[in-house]
Amino acid sequence: VEGFVAGIGKRINNQIDQLAADRAELRWDENGLRYRIILRKENDEWRVDDIYIRPTPRDGDSDRDGESSLPDEF
């Protein structure tokens, strides 16, 4: 948890990708992991909707929907 909070602190000024009027994402890779924070706008306030922490995808793999291509037993 401390590493996750430190990672957010280092990226406080990074660009947040707004995917829709009420949905945005902050994403970064660090130490072999991909962190994704999904934000949802409710009553004019942005709130954390979900957090994904997955291994960084290999070349050609995608985890945009929060799923990794790694086997379930990983």
PDB file of N, CA and C in Angstrom:
ATOM      1  N   VAL A   1       0.829  -1.188   0.000  1.00  0.00           N
ATOM      2  CA  VAL A   1       0.000   0.000   0.000  1.00  0.00           C
ATOM      3  C   VAL A   1       0.872   1.250   0.000  1.00  0.00           C
ATOM      4  N   GLU A   2       1.952   1.233   0.760  1.00  0.00           N
ATOM      5  CA  GLU A   2       2.834   2.400   0.801  1.00  0.00           C
ATOM      6  C   GLU A   2       3.414   2.715  -0.572  1.00  0.00           C
ATOM      7  N   GLY A   3       3.811   1.669  -1.326  1.00  0.00           N
ATOM      8  CA  GLY A   3       4.346   1.874  -2.668  1.00  0.00           C
ATOM      9  C   GLY A   3       3.301   2.449  -3.608  1.00  0.00           C
ATOM     10  N   PHE A   4       2.075   1.996  -3.475  1.00  0.00           N
ATOM     11  CA  PHE A   4       0.982   2.496  -4.307  1.00  0.00           C
ATOM     12  C   PHE A   4       0.734   3.975  -4.023  1.00  0.00           C
ATOM     13  N   VAL A   5       0.663   4.336  -2.754  1.00  0.00           N
ATOM     14  CA  VAL A   5       0.432   5.732  -2.374  1.00  0.00           C
ATOM     15  C   VAL A   5       1.604   6.604  -2.826  1.00  0.00           C
ATOM     16  N   ALA A   6       2.830   6.109  -2.678  1.00  0.00           N
ATOM     17  CA  ALA A   6       3.996   6.865  -3.142  1.00  0.00           C
ATOM     18  C   ALA A   6       3.935   7.062  -4.654  1.00  0.00           C
ATOM     19  N   GLY A   7       3.489   6.040  -5.386  1.00  0.00           N
ATOM     20  CA  GLY A   7       3.362   6.145  -6.845  1.00  0.00           C
ATOM     21  C   GLY A   7       2.358   7.201  -7.251  1.00  0.00           C
ATOM     22  N   ILE A   8       1.241   7.265  -6.545  1.00  0.00           N
ATOM     23  CA  ILE A   8       0.241   8.305  -6.832  1.00  0.00           C
ATOM     24  C   ILE A   8       0.843   9.681  -6.563  1.00  0.00           C
ATOM     25  N   GLY A   9       1.559   9.806  -5.454  1.00  0.00           N
ATOM     26  CA  GLY A   9       2.174  11.089  -5.102  1.00  0.00           C
ATOM     27  C   GLY A   9       3.149  11.580  -6.153  1.00  0.00           C
ATOM     28  N   LYS A  10       3.894  10.666  -6.767  1.00  0.00           N
ATOM     29  CA  LYS A  10       4.850  11.050  -7.816  1.00  0.00           C
ATOM     30  C   LYS A  10       4.146  11.475  -9.092  1.00  0.00           C
ATOM     31  N   ARG A  11       2.903  11.092  -9.269  1.00  0.00           N
ATOM     32  CA  ARG A  11       2.179  11.365 -10.516  1.00  0.00           C
ATOM     33  C   ARG A  11       1.037  12.346 -10.334  1.00  0.00           C
ATOM     34  N   ILE A  12       1.047  13.085  -9.268  1.00  0.00           N
ATOM     35  CA  ILE A  12      -0.045  14.001  -8.961  1.00  0.00           C
ATOM     36  C   ILE A  12      -0.279  15.016 -10.077  1.00  0.00           C
ATOM     37  N   ASN A  13       0.758  15.362 -10.820  1.00  0.00           N
ATOM     38  CA  ASN A  13       0.622  16.339 -11.905  1.00  0.00           C
ATOM     39  C   ASN A  13       0.584  15.706 -13.288  1.00  0.00           C
ATOM     40  N   ASN A  14       0.535  14.365 -13.359  1.00  0.00           N
ATOM     41  CA  ASN A  14       0.453  13.689 -14.658  1.00  0.00           C
ATOM     42  C   ASN A  14      -0.906  13.920 -15.315  1.00  0.00           C
ATOM     43  N   GLN A  15      -0.926  13.721 -16.610  1.00  0.00           N
ATOM     44  CA  GLN A  15      -2.174  13.843 -17.356  1.00  0.00           C
ATOM     45  C   GLN A  15      -3.120  12.709 -16.997  1.00  0.00           C
ATOM     46  N   ILE A  16      -4.370  13.057 -16.807  1.00  0.00           N
ATOM     47  CA  ILE A  16      -5.420  12.065 -16.588  1.00  0.00           C
ATOM     48  C   ILE A  16      -6.222  11.977 -17.879  1.00  0.00           C
ATOM     49  N   ASP A  17      -6.364  10.777 -18.409  1.00  0.00           N
ATOM     50  CA  ASP A  17      -7.104  10.571 -19.659  1.00  0.00           C
ATOM     51  C   ASP A  17      -8.597  10.560 -19.371  1.00  0.00           C
ATOM     52  N   GLN A  18      -9.317  11.519 -19.930  1.00  0.00           N
ATOM     53  CA  GLN A  18     -10.762  11.537 -19.758  1.00  0.00           C
ATOM     54  C   GLN A  18     -11.370  10.705 -20.874  1.00  0.00           C
ATOM     55  N   LEU A  19     -11.991   9.597 -20.508  1.00  0.00           N
ATOM     56  CA  LEU A  19     -12.535   8.648 -21.468  1.00  0.00           C
ATOM     57  C   LEU A  19     -13.964   8.990 -21.872  1.00  0.00           C
ATOM     58  N   ALA A  20     -14.679   9.677 -21.010  1.00  0.00           N
ATOM     59  CA  ALA A  20     -16.055  10.110 -21.260  1.00  0.00           C
ATOM     60  C   ALA A  20     -16.317  11.299 -20.342  1.00  0.00           C
ATOM     61  N   ALA A  21     -17.492  11.887 -20.442  1.00  0.00           N
ATOM     62  CA  ALA A  21     -17.813  13.056 -19.614  1.00  0.00           C
ATOM     63  C   ALA A  21     -17.776  12.722 -18.125  1.00  0.00           C
ATOM     64  N   ASP A  22     -18.029  11.451 -17.785  1.00  0.00           N
ATOM     65  CA  ASP A  22     -18.083  11.068 -16.375  1.00  0.00           C
ATOM     66  C   ASP A  22     -17.089   9.970 -16.016  1.00  0.00           C
ATOM     67  N   ARG A  23     -16.069   9.775 -16.856  1.00  0.00           N
ATOM     68  CA  ARG A  23     -15.113   8.690 -16.608  1.00  0.00           C
ATOM     69  C   ARG A  23     -13.717   9.125 -17.038  1.00  0.00           C
ATOM     70  N   ALA A  24     -12.732   8.839 -16.187  1.00  0.00           N
ATOM     71  CA  ALA A  24     -11.344   9.183 -16.480  1.00  0.00           C
ATOM     72  C   ALA A  24     -10.435   8.097 -15.915  1.00  0.00           C
ATOM     73  N   GLU A  25      -9.166   8.124 -16.360  1.00  0.00           N
ATOM     74  CA  GLU A  25      -8.221   7.092 -15.944  1.00  0.00           C
ATOM     75  C   GLU A  25      -6.844   7.699 -15.760  1.00  0.00           C
ATOM     76  N   LEU A  26      -6.196   7.318 -14.675  1.00  0.00           N
ATOM     77  CA  LEU A  26      -4.788   7.615 -14.450  1.00  0.00           C
ATOM     78  C   LEU A  26      -4.066   6.281 -14.509  1.00  0.00           C
ATOM     79  N   ARG A  27      -3.005   6.212 -15.318  1.00  0.00           N
ATOM     80  CA  ARG A  27      -2.316   4.928 -15.496  1.00  0.00           C
ATOM     81  C   ARG A  27      -0.818   5.160 -15.544  1.00  0.00           C
ATOM     82  N   TRP A  28      -0.071   4.239 -14.917  1.00  0.00           N
ATOM     83  CA  TRP A  28       1.377   4.279 -15.006  1.00  0.00           C
ATOM     84  C   TRP A  28       1.938   2.886 -14.769  1.00  0.00           C
ATOM     85  N   ASP A  29       3.167   2.678 -15.277  1.00  0.00           N
ATOM     86  CA  ASP A  29       3.891   1.419 -15.089  1.00  0.00           C
ATOM     87  C   ASP A  29       5.075   1.690 -14.164  1.00  0.00           C
ATOM     88  N   GLU A  30       5.293   0.779 -13.236  1.00  0.00           N
ATOM     89  CA  GLU A  30       6.416   0.925 -12.321  1.00  0.00           C
ATOM     90  C   GLU A  30       6.778  -0.434 -11.748  1.00  0.00           C
ATOM     91  N   ASN A  31       8.075  -0.746 -11.789  1.00  0.00           N
ATOM     92  CA  ASN A  31       8.589  -1.986 -11.198  1.00  0.00           C
ATOM     93  C   ASN A  31       7.862  -3.234 -11.685  1.00  0.00           C
ATOM     94  N   GLY A  32       7.573  -3.283 -12.987  1.00  0.00           N
ATOM     95  CA  GLY A  32       6.936  -4.460 -13.570  1.00  0.00           C
ATOM     96  C   GLY A  32       5.440  -4.553 -13.341  1.00  0.00           C
ATOM     97  N   LEU A  33       4.829  -3.500 -12.790  1.00  0.00           N
ATOM     98  CA  LEU A  33       3.394  -3.498 -12.553  1.00  0.00           C
ATOM     99  C   LEU A  33       2.748  -2.327 -13.276  1.00  0.00           C
ATOM    100  N   ARG A  34       1.517  -2.522 -13.718  1.00  0.00           N
ATOM    101  CA  ARG A  34       0.722  -1.444 -14.309  1.00  0.00           C
ATOM    102  C   ARG A  34      -0.372  -1.072 -13.310  1.00  0.00           C
ATOM    103  N   TYR A  35      -0.404   0.191 -12.972  1.00  0.00           N
ATOM    104  CA  TYR A  35      -1.406   0.728 -12.056  1.00  0.00           C
ATOM    105  C   TYR A  35      -2.425   1.519 -12.865  1.00  0.00           C
ATOM    106  N   ARG A  36      -3.702   1.265 -12.634  1.00  0.00           N
ATOM    107  CA  ARG A  36      -4.782   2.010 -13.290  1.00  0.00           C
ATOM    108  C   ARG A  36      -5.794   2.429 -12.240  1.00  0.00           C
ATOM    109  N   ILE A  37      -6.070   3.706 -12.188  1.00  0.00           N
ATOM    110  CA  ILE A  37      -7.087   4.222 -11.281  1.00  0.00           C
ATOM    111  C   ILE A  37      -8.212   4.758 -12.156  1.00  0.00           C
ATOM    112  N   ILE A  38      -9.384   4.184 -12.011  1.00  0.00           N
ATOM    113  CA  ILE A  38     -10.550   4.604 -12.777  1.00  0.00           C
ATOM    114  C   ILE A  38     -11.350   5.582 -11.919  1.00  0.00           C
ATOM    115  N   LEU A  39     -11.612   6.747 -12.481  1.00  0.00           N
ATOM    116  CA  LEU A  39     -12.371   7.785 -11.789  1.00  0.00           C
ATOM    117  C   LEU A  39     -13.734   7.941 -12.439  1.00  0.00           C
ATOM    118  N   ARG A  40     -14.743   8.197 -11.628  1.00  0.00           N
ATOM    119  CA  ARG A  40     -16.095   8.425 -12.132  1.00  0.00           C
ATOM    120  C   ARG A  40     -16.619   9.703 -11.503  1.00  0.00           C
ATOM    121  N   LYS A  41     -17.243  10.540 -12.348  1.00  0.00           N
ATOM    122  CA  LYS A  41     -17.773  11.813 -11.878  1.00  0.00           C
ATOM    123  C   LYS A  41     -19.189  11.623 -11.357  1.00  0.00           C
ATOM    124  N   GLU A  42     -19.402  12.036 -10.101  1.00  0.00           N
ATOM    125  CA  GLU A  42     -20.717  11.956  -9.471  1.00  0.00           C
ATOM    126  C   GLU A  42     -21.021  13.306  -8.837  1.00  0.00           C
ATOM    127  N   ASN A  43     -22.112  13.925  -9.242  1.00  0.00           N
ATOM    128  CA  ASN A  43     -22.513  15.214  -8.667  1.00  0.00           C
ATOM    129  C   ASN A  43     -21.384  16.244  -8.722  1.00  0.00           C
ATOM    130  N   ASP A  44     -20.736  16.359  -9.863  1.00  0.00           N
ATOM    131  CA  ASP A  44     -19.650  17.319 -10.104  1.00  0.00           C
ATOM    132  C   ASP A  44     -18.388  17.052  -9.281  1.00  0.00           C
ATOM    133  N   GLU A  45     -18.232  15.858  -8.718  1.00  0.00           N
ATOM    134  CA  GLU A  45     -17.022  15.479  -7.998  1.00  0.00           C
ATOM    135  C   GLU A  45     -16.464  14.190  -8.589  1.00  0.00           C
ATOM    136  N   TRP A  46     -15.139  14.151  -8.760  1.00  0.00           N
ATOM    137  CA  TRP A  46     -14.489  12.936  -9.239  1.00  0.00           C
ATOM    138  C   TRP A  46     -14.216  12.022  -8.054  1.00  0.00           C
ATOM    139  N   ARG A  47     -14.587  10.751  -8.211  1.00  0.00           N
ATOM    140  CA  ARG A  47     -14.391   9.746  -7.165  1.00  0.00           C
ATOM    141  C   ARG A  47     -13.699   8.521  -7.759  1.00  0.00           C
ATOM    142  N   VAL A  48     -12.936   7.834  -6.939  1.00  0.00           N
ATOM    143  CA  VAL A  48     -12.295   6.597  -7.388  1.00  0.00           C
ATOM    144  C   VAL A  48     -13.367   5.534  -7.544  1.00  0.00           C
ATOM    145  N   ASP A  49     -13.450   4.985  -8.751  1.00  0.00           N
ATOM    146  CA  ASP A  49     -14.429   3.942  -9.050  1.00  0.00           C
ATOM    147  C   ASP A  49     -13.808   2.557  -8.918  1.00  0.00           C
ATOM    148  N   ASP A  50     -12.552   2.427  -9.363  1.00  0.00           N
ATOM    149  CA  ASP A  50     -11.894   1.129  -9.309  1.00  0.00           C
ATOM    150  C   ASP A  50     -10.390   1.326  -9.386  1.00  0.00           C
ATOM    151  N   ILE A  51      -9.658   0.355  -8.903  1.00  0.00           N
ATOM    152  CA  ILE A  51      -8.203   0.348  -8.967  1.00  0.00           C
ATOM    153  C   ILE A  51      -7.774  -1.017  -9.482  1.00  0.00           C
ATOM    154  N   TYR A  52      -6.915  -1.012 -10.506  1.00  0.00           N
ATOM    155  CA  TYR A  52      -6.372  -2.249 -11.060  1.00  0.00           C
ATOM    156  C   TYR A  52      -4.865  -2.225 -10.885  1.00  0.00           C
ATOM    157  N   ILE A  53      -4.316  -3.307 -10.408  1.00  0.00           N
ATOM    158  CA  ILE A  53      -2.870  -3.481 -10.330  1.00  0.00           C
ATOM    159  C   ILE A  53      -2.577  -4.832 -10.956  1.00  0.00           C
ATOM    160  N   ARG A  54      -1.886  -4.811 -12.067  1.00  0.00           N
ATOM    161  CA  ARG A  54      -1.607  -6.024 -12.835  1.00  0.00           C
ATOM    162  C   ARG A  54      -0.143  -6.011 -13.274  1.00  0.00           C
ATOM    163  N   PRO A  55       0.400  -7.166 -13.611  1.00  0.00           N
ATOM    164  CA  PRO A  55       1.734  -7.165 -14.235  1.00  0.00           C
ATOM    165  C   PRO A  55       1.701  -6.329 -15.511  1.00  0.00           C
ATOM    166  N   THR A  56       2.794  -5.632 -15.789  1.00  0.00           N
ATOM    167  CA  THR A  56       2.877  -4.843 -17.014  1.00  0.00           C
ATOM    168  C   THR A  56       2.697  -5.771 -18.205  1.00  0.00           C
ATOM    169  N   PRO A  57       1.802  -5.413 -19.147  1.00  0.00           N
ATOM    170  CA  PRO A  57       1.575  -6.286 -20.305  1.00  0.00           C
ATOM    171  C   PRO A  57       2.835  -6.452 -21.146  1.00  0.00           C
ATOM    172  N   ARG A  58       2.978  -7.637 -21.684  1.00  0.00           N
ATOM    173  CA  ARG A  58       4.072  -7.886 -22.628  1.00  0.00           C
ATOM    174  C   ARG A  58       3.740  -7.187 -23.934  1.00  0.00           C
ATOM    175  N   ASP A  59       4.744  -7.005 -24.789  1.00  0.00           N
ATOM    176  CA  ASP A  59       4.516  -6.384 -26.096  1.00  0.00           C
ATOM    177  C   ASP A  59       3.377  -7.075 -26.818  1.00  0.00           C
ATOM    178  N   GLY A  60       2.432  -6.294 -27.324  1.00  0.00           N
ATOM    179  CA  GLY A  60       1.309  -6.840 -28.068  1.00  0.00           C
ATOM    180  C   GLY A  60       0.119  -7.179 -27.201  1.00  0.00           C
ATOM    181  N   ASP A  61       0.300  -7.239 -25.880  1.00  0.00           N
ATOM    182  CA  ASP A  61      -0.810  -7.527 -24.980  1.00  0.00           C
ATOM    183  C   ASP A  61      -1.484  -6.221 -24.586  1.00  0.00           C
ATOM    184  N   SER A  62      -2.737  -6.311 -24.208  1.00  0.00           N
ATOM    185  CA  SER A  62      -3.477  -5.127 -23.770  1.00  0.00           C
ATOM    186  C   SER A  62      -4.239  -5.449 -22.506  1.00  0.00           C
ATOM    187  N   ASP A  63      -4.295  -4.474 -21.598  1.00  0.00           N
ATOM    188  CA  ASP A  63      -5.113  -4.661 -20.411  1.00  0.00           C
ATOM    189  C   ASP A  63      -6.052  -3.486 -20.230  1.00  0.00           C
ATOM    190  N   ARG A  64      -6.462  -2.824 -21.293  1.00  0.00           N
ATOM    191  CA  ARG A  64      -7.310  -1.639 -21.233  1.00  0.00           C
ATOM    192  C   ARG A  64      -8.597  -1.925 -20.470  1.00  0.00           C
ATOM    193  N   ASP A  65      -9.105  -3.138 -20.564  1.00  0.00           N
ATOM    194  CA  ASP A  65     -10.341  -3.461 -19.861  1.00  0.00           C
ATOM    195  C   ASP A  65     -10.088  -4.012 -18.461  1.00  0.00           C
ATOM    196  N   GLY A  66      -8.830  -3.938 -18.016  1.00  0.00           N
ATOM    197  CA  GLY A  66      -8.507  -4.396 -16.668  1.00  0.00           C
ATOM    198  C   GLY A  66      -8.082  -5.843 -16.593  1.00  0.00           C
ATOM    199  N   GLU A  67      -8.098  -6.538 -17.714  1.00  0.00           N
ATOM    200  CA  GLU A  67      -7.736  -7.949 -17.723  1.00  0.00           C
ATOM    201  C   GLU A  67      -6.360  -8.120 -18.321  1.00  0.00           C
ATOM    202  N   SER A  68      -5.589  -8.957 -17.730  1.00  0.00           N
ATOM    203  CA  SER A  68      -4.264  -9.303 -18.232  1.00  0.00           C
ATOM    204  C   SER A  68      -4.382 -10.566 -19.077  1.00  0.00           C
ATOM    205  N   SER A  69      -3.447 -10.737 -19.988  1.00  0.00           N
ATOM    206  CA  SER A  69      -3.460 -11.952 -20.794  1.00  0.00           C
ATOM    207  C   SER A  69      -2.716 -13.087 -20.108  1.00  0.00           C
ATOM    208  N   LEU A  70      -2.302 -12.892 -18.861  1.00  0.00           N
ATOM    209  CA  LEU A  70      -1.587 -13.938 -18.149  1.00  0.00           C
ATOM    210  C   LEU A  70      -2.558 -15.036 -17.738  1.00  0.00           C
ATOM    211  N   PRO A  71      -2.069 -16.265 -17.608  1.00  0.00           N
ATOM    212  CA  PRO A  71      -2.944 -17.363 -17.189  1.00  0.00           C
ATOM    213  C   PRO A  71      -3.505 -17.118 -15.798  1.00  0.00           C
ATOM    214  N   ASP A  72      -4.642 -17.722 -15.494  1.00  0.00           N
ATOM    215  CA  ASP A  72      -5.298 -17.542 -14.197  1.00  0.00           C
ATOM    216  C   ASP A  72      -4.421 -17.973 -13.029  1.00  0.00           C
ATOM    217  N   GLU A  73      -3.548 -18.956 -13.231  1.00  0.00           N
ATOM    218  CA  GLU A  73      -2.743 -19.446 -12.119  1.00  0.00           C
ATOM    219  C   GLU A  73      -1.592 -18.536 -11.791  1.00  0.00           C
ATOM    220  N   PHE A  74      -1.410 -17.441 -12.547  1.00  0.00           N
ATOM    221  CA  PHE A  74      -0.312 -16.509 -12.258  1.00  0.00           C
ATOM    222  C   PHE A  74      -0.523 -15.929 -10.922  1.00  0.00           C
TER     223      PHE A  74
END
